Amino acid sequence: MTVIEQRTMESIQKMERKISEFSLRDYFAGQVLAGMADYVDKDNPNLIAKVCYILADAMIEVRNDS
């Protein structure tokens, strides 16, 4: 295996680890953020993150009820 192939393989393995840590909740929160990014007060990022996860939790709850 060449050095480039080895580095590529290592990069893919790192990416796979990161993806495996990414939950449906994280995905939903990210989608909420993407949808409201133009409308939020960017001076309070912690509040924005909390709201995104509250809405993500609500989406998961509704998903589980169906």
Protein backbone atom coordinates (compact mmCIF):
# COMPACT_ATOMS: atom_id res chain seq x y z
CA MET A 1 0.00 0.00 0.00
CA THR A 2 1.35 3.41 -0.95
CA VAL A 3 1.62 6.30 1.48
CA ILE A 4 -1.27 8.06 -0.26
CA GLU A 5 -3.45 4.95 -0.03
CA GLN A 6 -2.57 4.57 3.66
CA ARG A 7 -3.45 8.21 4.41
CA THR A 8 -6.68 7.89 2.46
CA MET A 9 -7.59 4.78 4.42
CA GLU A 10 -6.81 6.50 7.73
CA SER A 11 -8.94 9.51 6.71
CA ILE A 12 -11.85 7.23 5.81
CA GLN A 13 -11.57 5.43 9.14
CA LYS A 14 -11.57 8.74 11.05
CA MET A 15 -14.61 9.88 9.09
CA GLU A 16 -16.42 6.60 9.82
CA ARG A 17 -15.78 7.07 13.56
CA LYS A 18 -17.18 10.60 13.45
CA ILE A 19 -20.24 9.49 11.49
CA SER A 20 -20.92 6.64 13.92
CA GLU A 21 -21.00 9.19 16.75
CA PHE A 22 -23.53 11.34 14.86
CA SER A 23 -27.03 10.62 16.13
CA LEU A 24 -30.44 11.18 14.60
CA ARG A 25 -30.90 13.84 17.27
CA ASP A 26 -27.77 15.63 16.03
CA TYR A 27 -29.03 15.42 12.46
CA PHE A 28 -32.43 16.84 13.37
CA ALA A 29 -30.83 19.66 15.38
CA GLY A 30 -28.60 20.52 12.44
CA GLN A 31 -31.58 20.62 10.13
CA VAL A 32 -33.41 22.95 12.52
CA LEU A 33 -30.38 25.22 12.61
CA ALA A 34 -30.08 25.23 8.83
CA GLY A 35 -33.74 26.15 8.49
CA MET A 36 -33.64 29.05 10.91
CA ALA A 37 -30.06 30.29 10.45
CA ASP A 38 -31.13 33.50 8.74
CA TYR A 39 -33.66 34.36 11.45
CA VAL A 40 -31.84 33.88 14.75
CA ASP A 41 -29.85 36.17 17.01
CA LYS A 42 -26.30 35.03 16.36
CA ASP A 43 -25.09 36.81 19.52
CA ASN A 44 -26.39 33.95 21.68
CA PRO A 45 -25.15 30.68 20.14
CA ASN A 46 -25.78 28.62 23.29
CA LEU A 47 -29.45 29.55 23.27
CA ILE A 48 -29.69 28.74 19.57
CA ALA A 49 -28.13 25.31 20.15
CA LYS A 50 -30.49 24.59 23.05
CA VAL A 51 -33.52 25.51 20.95
CA CYS A 52 -32.30 23.31 18.09
CA TYR A 53 -31.96 20.31 20.40
CA ILE A 54 -35.32 20.97 22.08
CA LEU A 55 -36.95 20.89 18.65
CA ALA A 56 -34.91 17.82 17.65
CA ASP A 57 -36.11 16.04 20.80
CA ALA A 58 -39.71 16.96 19.90
CA MET A 59 -39.23 15.56 16.39
CA ILE A 60 -37.88 12.30 17.80
CA GLU A 61 -40.79 12.07 20.25
CA VAL A 62 -43.34 12.56 17.47
CA ARG A 63 -41.44 10.10 15.25
CA ASN A 64 -41.57 7.47 18.00
CA ASP A 65 -45.31 8.03 18.58
CA SER A 66 -46.19 7.31 14.94
